[in-house]
Amino acid sequence: MSLRRAAILCLSCFTGTAGASDLDAFPATVDGKVRLVIRLPRAADESRFMVELVPGKSEVVDCNLRSYRAAIRRETLEGLGYPYYVLAEPEPGPAGHKTCPAGSRSRRFVPVRGEGLMLPYNSHLPLVVYLPPGLQLKYRVWRGDKILSSARAE
């Protein structure tokens, strides 16, 4: 094998293949749930960031506040230690019972609430989440301020 070909093969190990092959270790489905992936951009100080998972579904609803409830569990790939998350089947959460004006029904994203949906920011691994079919996964990134404030004794 020529030195040039060996160098090209070596470079391809570090580029190009990272997107697809890093998911090969993760199962395609878990308990019939769909695999969704979030790839976070690199940040200078990732300890200042958190990722909030917001699973849910788009539904036609009225003016009453609605949500679903579900637990999320953290699993680990055996042998690699990579984390992934599995959301349980959502159940309807409490909803208001106020009278809504006529024509107030509209299509909105109805979120799933639960504990464990705020995760550490890590751009080095894909964030892999398994959701029941029919759910969507949205997310937002939270950033902590660089300035720390001091508490006072009172």
N, C-alpha and C. Protein backbone atom coordinates (compact mmCIF):
# COMPACT_ATOMS: atom_id res chain seq x y z
N MET A 1 0.85 -1.17 0.00
CA MET A 1 0.00 0.00 0.00
C MET A 1 0.90 1.23 0.00
N SER A 2 0.58 2.18 -0.85
CA SER A 2 1.40 3.38 -0.93
C SER A 2 1.18 4.26 0.30
N LEU A 3 2.14 5.10 0.57
CA LEU A 3 2.06 6.01 1.71
C LEU A 3 0.88 6.98 1.55
N ARG A 4 0.65 7.42 0.31
CA ARG A 4 -0.44 8.35 0.05
C ARG A 4 -1.80 7.69 0.35
N ARG A 5 -1.98 6.46 -0.10
CA ARG A 5 -3.24 5.75 0.13
C ARG A 5 -3.45 5.50 1.63
N ALA A 6 -2.40 5.16 2.34
CA ALA A 6 -2.50 4.94 3.79
C ALA A 6 -2.90 6.24 4.49
N ALA A 7 -2.34 7.36 4.04
CA ALA A 7 -2.69 8.65 4.64
C ALA A 7 -4.16 9.00 4.40
N ILE A 8 -4.65 8.73 3.19
CA ILE A 8 -6.05 9.01 2.87
C ILE A 8 -6.97 8.13 3.72
N LEU A 9 -6.63 6.85 3.86
CA LEU A 9 -7.44 5.96 4.69
C LEU A 9 -7.45 6.43 6.14
N CYS A 10 -6.31 6.86 6.62
CA CYS A 10 -6.21 7.34 8.00
C CYS A 10 -7.07 8.59 8.20
N LEU A 11 -7.01 9.52 7.25
CA LEU A 11 -7.81 10.74 7.35
C LEU A 11 -9.30 10.44 7.31
N SER A 12 -9.70 9.45 6.53
CA SER A 12 -11.13 9.12 6.45
C SER A 12 -11.64 8.56 7.76
N CYS A 13 -10.73 8.05 8.61
CA CYS A 13 -11.16 7.57 9.93
C CYS A 13 -11.61 8.73 10.81
N PHE A 14 -11.06 9.91 10.59
CA PHE A 14 -11.37 11.06 11.45
C PHE A 14 -12.39 12.00 10.84
N THR A 15 -12.72 11.84 9.58
CA THR A 15 -13.68 12.72 8.93
C THR A 15 -14.72 11.90 8.21
N GLY A 16 -15.79 12.53 7.83
CA GLY A 16 -16.76 11.90 6.95
C GLY A 16 -17.57 10.77 7.56
N THR A 17 -16.94 9.83 8.22
CA THR A 17 -17.67 8.67 8.72
C THR A 17 -18.26 8.91 10.10
N ALA A 18 -17.89 9.98 10.77
CA ALA A 18 -18.36 10.20 12.14
C ALA A 18 -19.87 10.33 12.22
N GLY A 19 -20.53 10.91 11.23
CA GLY A 19 -21.95 11.13 11.30
C GLY A 19 -22.77 9.85 11.33
N ALA A 20 -22.46 8.91 10.49
CA ALA A 20 -23.27 7.69 10.41
C ALA A 20 -22.78 6.62 11.37
N SER A 21 -21.50 6.41 11.45
CA SER A 21 -20.99 5.29 12.22
C SER A 21 -21.15 5.47 13.72
N ASP A 22 -21.25 6.69 14.21
CA ASP A 22 -21.40 6.86 15.66
C ASP A 22 -22.78 6.41 16.13
N LEU A 23 -23.72 6.19 15.22
CA LEU A 23 -25.04 5.68 15.60
C LEU A 23 -25.13 4.16 15.47
N ASP A 24 -24.14 3.54 14.85
CA ASP A 24 -24.18 2.09 14.65
C ASP A 24 -24.26 1.33 15.97
N ALA A 25 -23.70 1.87 17.03
CA ALA A 25 -23.71 1.20 18.32
C ALA A 25 -25.08 1.26 18.99
N PHE A 26 -25.91 2.23 18.61
CA PHE A 26 -27.22 2.39 19.23
C PHE A 26 -28.25 1.53 18.51
N PRO A 27 -29.17 0.90 19.26
CA PRO A 27 -30.21 0.12 18.59
C PRO A 27 -31.10 1.01 17.72
N ALA A 28 -31.62 0.45 16.63
CA ALA A 28 -32.50 1.21 15.74
C ALA A 28 -33.82 1.54 16.44
N THR A 29 -34.31 0.62 17.27
CA THR A 29 -35.51 0.86 18.07
C THR A 29 -35.31 0.24 19.44
N VAL A 30 -36.05 0.74 20.42
CA VAL A 30 -36.07 0.17 21.76
C VAL A 30 -37.53 0.01 22.14
N ASP A 31 -37.97 -1.20 22.36
CA ASP A 31 -39.37 -1.48 22.74
C ASP A 31 -40.37 -0.86 21.76
N GLY A 32 -40.04 -0.87 20.47
CA GLY A 32 -40.93 -0.32 19.45
C GLY A 32 -40.92 1.20 19.36
N LYS A 33 -40.02 1.84 20.07
CA LYS A 33 -39.93 3.30 20.06
C LYS A 33 -38.99 3.77 18.95
N VAL A 34 -39.22 4.97 18.47
CA VAL A 34 -38.47 5.55 17.35
C VAL A 34 -37.22 6.24 17.87
N ARG A 35 -36.10 6.05 17.18
CA ARG A 35 -34.84 6.70 17.56
C ARG A 35 -34.77 8.09 16.94
N LEU A 36 -34.54 9.09 17.77
CA LEU A 36 -34.33 10.46 17.31
C LEU A 36 -32.97 10.93 17.82
N VAL A 37 -32.29 11.73 17.02
CA VAL A 37 -30.91 12.12 17.32
C VAL A 37 -30.78 13.63 17.28
N ILE A 38 -30.08 14.18 18.27
CA ILE A 38 -29.74 15.60 18.32
C ILE A 38 -28.22 15.69 18.28
N ARG A 39 -27.72 16.49 17.35
CA ARG A 39 -26.28 16.74 17.27
C ARG A 39 -26.03 18.19 17.66
N LEU A 40 -25.33 18.38 18.75
CA LEU A 40 -25.09 19.71 19.28
C LEU A 40 -23.78 20.27 18.73
N PRO A 41 -23.75 21.56 18.43
CA PRO A 41 -22.49 22.17 17.98
C PRO A 41 -21.51 22.30 19.15
N ARG A 42 -20.24 22.32 18.81
CA ARG A 42 -19.22 22.49 19.86
C ARG A 42 -19.36 23.87 20.50
N ALA A 43 -19.07 23.92 21.78
CA ALA A 43 -19.10 25.18 22.52
C ALA A 43 -17.78 25.31 23.28
N ALA A 44 -17.36 26.54 23.50
CA ALA A 44 -16.08 26.79 24.16
C ALA A 44 -16.07 26.22 25.59
N ASP A 45 -17.14 26.46 26.34
CA ASP A 45 -17.23 25.96 27.71
C ASP A 45 -18.58 25.26 27.88
N GLU A 46 -18.61 23.98 27.58
CA GLU A 46 -19.87 23.25 27.57
C GLU A 46 -20.47 23.07 28.96
N SER A 47 -19.69 23.32 30.01
CA SER A 47 -20.23 23.20 31.37
C SER A 47 -21.25 24.31 31.66
N ARG A 48 -21.27 25.35 30.85
CA ARG A 48 -22.22 26.46 31.03
C ARG A 48 -23.56 26.20 30.35
N PHE A 49 -23.70 25.07 29.65
CA PHE A 49 -24.91 24.81 28.87
C PHE A 49 -25.64 23.57 29.37
N MET A 50 -26.94 23.55 29.15
CA MET A 50 -27.79 22.39 29.41
C MET A 50 -28.73 22.25 28.21
N VAL A 51 -29.23 21.04 27.99
CA VAL A 51 -30.18 20.79 26.91
C VAL A 51 -31.49 20.34 27.54
N GLU A 52 -32.57 21.02 27.19
CA GLU A 52 -33.89 20.63 27.66
C GLU A 52 -34.61 19.89 26.54
N LEU A 53 -34.98 18.64 26.80
CA LEU A 53 -35.76 17.87 25.85
C LEU A 53 -37.23 18.25 26.02
N VAL A 54 -37.91 18.48 24.89
CA VAL A 54 -39.33 18.82 24.93
C VAL A 54 -40.06 17.89 23.95
N PRO A 55 -40.36 16.66 24.39
CA PRO A 55 -41.16 15.79 23.54
C PRO A 55 -42.61 16.24 23.56
N GLY A 56 -43.35 15.89 22.54
CA GLY A 56 -44.76 16.25 22.50
C GLY A 56 -45.36 15.88 21.17
N LYS A 57 -46.60 16.34 20.96
CA LYS A 57 -47.25 16.10 19.68
C LYS A 57 -48.13 17.26 19.31
N SER A 58 -48.31 17.43 18.02
CA SER A 58 -49.14 18.51 17.48
C SER A 58 -50.58 18.03 17.47
N GLU A 59 -51.47 18.79 18.14
CA GLU A 59 -52.88 18.42 18.24
C GLU A 59 -53.74 19.66 18.10
N VAL A 60 -55.00 19.43 17.75
CA VAL A 60 -55.99 20.51 17.76
C VAL A 60 -56.55 20.59 19.17
N VAL A 61 -56.35 21.73 19.83
CA VAL A 61 -56.77 21.91 21.21
C VAL A 61 -57.50 23.24 21.36
N ASP A 62 -58.22 23.37 22.50
CA ASP A 62 -58.92 24.63 22.77
C ASP A 62 -58.05 25.51 23.67
N CYS A 63 -58.64 26.48 24.35
CA CYS A 63 -57.87 27.45 25.13
C CYS A 63 -57.37 26.91 26.46
N ASN A 64 -57.82 25.75 26.89
CA ASN A 64 -57.36 25.19 28.15
C ASN A 64 -55.93 24.68 28.01
N LEU A 65 -55.15 24.89 29.05
CA LEU A 65 -53.77 24.41 29.04
C LEU A 65 -53.76 22.90 29.11
N ARG A 66 -52.97 22.27 28.27
CA ARG A 66 -52.88 20.82 28.22
C ARG A 66 -51.42 20.39 28.17
N SER A 67 -51.20 19.20 28.66
CA SER A 67 -49.88 18.59 28.53
C SER A 67 -50.03 17.10 28.80
N TYR A 68 -48.95 16.39 28.56
CA TYR A 68 -48.88 14.97 28.87
C TYR A 68 -47.81 14.78 29.93
N ARG A 69 -47.83 13.64 30.58
CA ARG A 69 -46.81 13.30 31.57
C ARG A 69 -46.19 11.97 31.17
N ALA A 70 -44.86 11.89 31.32
CA ALA A 70 -44.16 10.64 31.06
C ALA A 70 -42.79 10.70 31.72
N ALA A 71 -42.34 9.56 32.16
CA ALA A 71 -41.00 9.46 32.74
C ALA A 71 -40.00 9.15 31.64
N ILE A 72 -38.80 9.64 31.82
CA ILE A 72 -37.72 9.32 30.89
C ILE A 72 -36.65 8.59 31.68
N ARG A 73 -36.11 7.55 31.09
CA ARG A 73 -35.06 6.82 31.79
C ARG A 73 -33.77 6.87 30.98
N ARG A 74 -32.68 6.95 31.70
CA ARG A 74 -31.36 6.97 31.09
C ARG A 74 -30.83 5.55 31.04
N GLU A 75 -30.43 5.12 29.87
CA GLU A 75 -29.82 3.80 29.67
C GLU A 75 -28.38 4.02 29.21
N THR A 76 -27.58 2.98 29.29
CA THR A 76 -26.19 3.06 28.88
C THR A 76 -25.87 1.90 27.94
N LEU A 77 -25.17 2.21 26.85
CA LEU A 77 -24.75 1.16 25.93
C LEU A 77 -23.72 0.28 26.62
N GLU A 78 -24.01 -0.99 26.67
CA GLU A 78 -23.11 -1.92 27.33
C GLU A 78 -21.77 -1.97 26.60
N GLY A 79 -20.72 -1.88 27.37
CA GLY A 79 -19.38 -1.96 26.81
C GLY A 79 -18.80 -0.62 26.37
N LEU A 80 -19.68 0.35 26.06
CA LEU A 80 -19.20 1.66 25.61
C LEU A 80 -19.45 2.76 26.62
N GLY A 81 -20.51 2.61 27.39
CA GLY A 81 -20.83 3.63 28.39
C GLY A 81 -21.54 4.85 27.83
N TYR A 82 -21.93 4.84 26.55
CA TYR A 82 -22.62 5.98 25.97
C TYR A 82 -24.07 6.01 26.47
N PRO A 83 -24.56 7.17 26.88
CA PRO A 83 -25.93 7.24 27.36
C PRO A 83 -26.93 7.39 26.22
N TYR A 84 -28.14 6.91 26.45
CA TYR A 84 -29.29 7.20 25.59
C TYR A 84 -30.51 7.24 26.49
N TYR A 85 -31.61 7.79 25.99
CA TYR A 85 -32.78 8.06 26.82
C TYR A 85 -34.02 7.45 26.18
N VAL A 86 -34.89 6.88 27.02
CA VAL A 86 -36.11 6.22 26.55
C VAL A 86 -37.29 6.84 27.28
N LEU A 87 -38.23 7.40 26.52
CA LEU A 87 -39.42 8.01 27.10
C LEU A 87 -40.53 6.98 27.20
N ALA A 88 -41.19 6.92 28.37
CA ALA A 88 -42.32 6.02 28.57
C ALA A 88 -43.53 6.53 27.79
N GLU A 89 -44.56 5.70 27.70
CA GLU A 89 -45.81 6.11 27.04
C GLU A 89 -46.40 7.31 27.79
N PRO A 90 -46.70 8.39 27.10
CA PRO A 90 -47.26 9.55 27.80
C PRO A 90 -48.71 9.33 28.20
N GLU A 91 -49.07 9.91 29.33
CA GLU A 91 -50.45 9.89 29.81
C GLU A 91 -50.94 11.33 29.89
N PRO A 92 -52.22 11.57 29.65
CA PRO A 92 -52.72 12.94 29.73
C PRO A 92 -52.49 13.53 31.11
N GLY A 93 -52.00 14.76 31.13
CA GLY A 93 -51.81 15.48 32.38
C GLY A 93 -53.06 16.28 32.69
N PRO A 94 -53.02 17.05 33.77
CA PRO A 94 -54.19 17.85 34.11
C PRO A 94 -54.45 18.92 33.05
N ALA A 95 -55.72 19.22 32.86
CA ALA A 95 -56.11 20.26 31.90
C ALA A 95 -57.11 21.18 32.58
N GLY A 96 -57.13 22.42 32.15
CA GLY A 96 -58.10 23.37 32.69
C GLY A 96 -59.50 23.03 32.21
N HIS A 97 -60.49 23.61 32.88
CA HIS A 97 -61.88 23.36 32.51
C HIS A 97 -62.62 24.67 32.30
N LYS A 98 -61.94 25.67 31.80
CA LYS A 98 -62.63 26.93 31.57
C LYS A 98 -63.37 26.90 30.23
N THR A 99 -64.36 27.73 30.14
CA THR A 99 -65.14 27.83 28.91
C THR A 99 -64.34 28.63 27.90
N CYS A 100 -64.17 28.07 26.74
CA CYS A 100 -63.37 28.72 25.70
C CYS A 100 -64.29 29.42 24.71
N PRO A 101 -63.84 30.56 24.19
CA PRO A 101 -64.65 31.24 23.17
C PRO A 101 -64.77 30.40 21.91
N ALA A 102 -65.83 30.60 21.18
CA ALA A 102 -66.04 29.88 19.93
C ALA A 102 -64.88 30.15 18.98
N GLY A 103 -64.45 29.13 18.28
CA GLY A 103 -63.37 29.28 17.30
C GLY A 103 -61.99 29.34 17.92
N SER A 104 -61.87 28.98 19.20
CA SER A 104 -60.56 29.06 19.85
C SER A 104 -59.73 27.80 19.62
N ARG A 105 -60.28 26.81 18.97
CA ARG A 105 -59.52 25.59 18.72
C ARG A 105 -58.47 25.84 17.64
N SER A 106 -57.27 25.37 17.91
CA SER A 106 -56.19 25.53 16.93
C SER A 106 -55.19 24.40 17.11
N ARG A 107 -54.36 24.20 16.11
CA ARG A 107 -53.32 23.17 16.18
C ARG A 107 -52.12 23.76 16.91
N ARG A 108 -51.72 23.07 17.98
CA ARG A 108 -50.57 23.50 18.78
C ARG A 108 -49.73 22.29 19.18
N PHE A 109 -48.50 22.59 19.53
CA PHE A 109 -47.60 21.56 20.04
C PHE A 109 -47.92 21.38 21.53
N VAL A 110 -48.31 20.17 21.91
CA VAL A 110 -48.65 19.86 23.30
C VAL A 110 -47.47 19.09 23.89
N PRO A 111 -46.77 19.67 24.87
CA PRO A 111 -45.55 19.05 25.38
C PRO A 111 -45.81 17.91 26.35
N VAL A 112 -44.81 17.06 26.49
CA VAL A 112 -44.78 16.03 27.52
C VAL A 112 -43.92 16.56 28.65
N ARG A 113 -44.46 16.57 29.86
CA ARG A 113 -43.73 17.04 31.03
C ARG A 113 -43.22 15.84 31.82
N GLY A 114 -42.15 16.03 32.53
CA GLY A 114 -41.62 14.96 33.37
C GLY A 114 -40.26 15.33 33.90
N GLU A 115 -39.80 14.55 34.83
CA GLU A 115 -38.47 14.79 35.40
C GLU A 115 -37.40 14.17 34.53
N GLY A 116 -36.21 14.72 34.58
CA GLY A 116 -35.09 14.16 33.85
C GLY A 116 -34.98 14.64 32.42
N LEU A 117 -35.74 15.66 32.04
CA LEU A 117 -35.70 16.15 30.66
C LEU A 117 -34.62 17.23 30.45
N MET A 118 -33.96 17.66 31.52
CA MET A 118 -32.86 18.62 31.43
C MET A 118 -31.56 17.84 31.52
N LEU A 119 -30.75 17.91 30.46
CA LEU A 119 -29.56 17.07 30.35
C LEU A 119 -28.30 17.91 30.19
N PRO A 120 -27.14 17.37 30.57
CA PRO A 120 -25.89 18.08 30.34
C PRO A 120 -25.60 18.23 28.84
N TYR A 121 -24.96 19.31 28.50
CA TYR A 121 -24.58 19.59 27.11
C TYR A 121 -23.32 18.80 26.80
N ASN A 122 -23.34 18.05 25.69
CA ASN A 122 -22.16 17.29 25.28
C ASN A 122 -22.16 17.20 23.76
N SER A 123 -21.28 17.97 23.13
CA SER A 123 -21.22 17.97 21.67
C SER A 123 -20.38 16.82 21.11
N HIS A 124 -19.73 16.06 21.97
CA HIS A 124 -18.84 15.00 21.51
C HIS A 124 -19.58 13.72 21.15
N LEU A 125 -20.80 13.56 21.66
CA LEU A 125 -21.61 12.37 21.36
C LEU A 125 -22.97 12.81 20.86
N PRO A 126 -23.60 12.03 20.00
CA PRO A 126 -24.97 12.36 19.62
C PRO A 126 -25.89 12.14 20.83
N LEU A 127 -26.90 12.97 20.96
CA LEU A 127 -27.90 12.81 22.00
C LEU A 127 -29.01 11.95 21.40
N VAL A 128 -29.12 10.71 21.86
CA VAL A 128 -30.03 9.74 21.28
C VAL A 128 -31.21 9.54 22.23
N VAL A 129 -32.43 9.72 21.68
CA VAL A 129 -33.65 9.62 22.46
C VAL A 129 -34.62 8.71 21.72
N TYR A 130 -35.26 7.80 22.43
CA TYR A 130 -36.27 6.92 21.86
C TYR A 130 -37.64 7.35 22.35
N LEU A 131 -38.54 7.65 21.40
CA LEU A 131 -39.89 8.12 21.72
C LEU A 131 -40.93 7.16 21.16
N PRO A 132 -42.09 7.08 21.82
CA PRO A 132 -43.19 6.30 21.24
C PRO A 132 -43.58 6.88 19.89
N PRO A 133 -44.04 6.05 18.96
CA PRO A 133 -44.45 6.55 17.64
C PRO A 133 -45.52 7.64 17.78
N GLY A 134 -45.47 8.63 16.89
CA GLY A 134 -46.44 9.72 16.91
C GLY A 134 -45.99 10.94 17.69
N LEU A 135 -44.90 10.82 18.44
CA LEU A 135 -44.39 11.97 19.19
C LEU A 135 -43.27 12.64 18.41
N GLN A 136 -43.11 13.92 18.64
CA GLN A 136 -42.01 14.70 18.06
C GLN A 136 -41.05 15.05 19.19
N LEU A 137 -39.82 15.37 18.85
CA LEU A 137 -38.85 15.80 19.84
C LEU A 137 -38.33 17.18 19.46
N LYS A 138 -38.59 18.12 20.33
CA LYS A 138 -38.01 19.46 20.20
C LYS A 138 -37.05 19.63 21.36
N TYR A 139 -36.18 20.60 21.27
CA TYR A 139 -35.25 20.84 22.36
C TYR A 139 -34.84 22.31 22.38
N ARG A 140 -34.34 22.72 23.53
CA ARG A 140 -33.76 24.06 23.62
C ARG A 140 -32.49 23.98 24.46
N VAL A 141 -31.58 24.89 24.15
CA VAL A 141 -30.30 24.94 24.85
C VAL A 141 -30.36 26.09 25.85
N TRP A 142 -30.02 25.78 27.10
CA TRP A 142 -29.96 26.78 28.16
C TRP A 142 -28.50 27.14 28.41
N ARG A 143 -28.26 28.42 28.64
CA ARG A 143 -26.90 28.90 28.87
C ARG A 143 -26.83 29.61 30.22
N GLY A 144 -25.84 29.23 31.02
CA GLY A 144 -25.59 29.89 32.29
C GLY A 144 -24.71 31.11 32.09
N ASP A 145 -24.93 32.10 32.89
CA ASP A 145 -24.15 33.33 32.83
C ASP A 145 -22.71 33.07 33.29
N LYS A 146 -21.76 33.81 32.73
CA LYS A 146 -20.36 33.69 33.15
C LYS A 146 -20.16 34.28 34.54
N ILE A 147 -20.98 35.26 34.88
CA ILE A 147 -20.82 35.96 36.15
C ILE A 147 -21.55 35.19 37.25
N LEU A 148 -20.82 34.87 38.33
CA LEU A 148 -21.43 34.20 39.48
C LEU A 148 -21.78 35.27 40.51
N SER A 149 -22.95 35.20 41.06
CA SER A 149 -23.39 36.13 42.09
C SER A 149 -23.21 35.46 43.45
N SER A 150 -22.95 36.28 44.46
CA SER A 150 -22.76 35.76 45.82
C SER A 150 -24.04 35.92 46.63
N ALA A 151 -24.32 34.91 47.44
CA ALA A 151 -25.46 34.99 48.34
C ALA A 151 -25.02 35.71 49.62
N ARG A 152 -26.01 36.34 50.30
CA ARG A 152 -25.72 37.06 51.53
C ARG A 152 -26.41 36.37 52.70
N ALA A 153 -25.73 36.39 53.82
CA ALA A 153 -26.34 35.85 55.06
C ALA A 153 -27.35 36.88 55.55
N GLU A 154 -28.52 36.45 55.87
CA GLU A 154 -29.55 37.37 56.41
C GLU A 154 -30.15 36.81 57.64
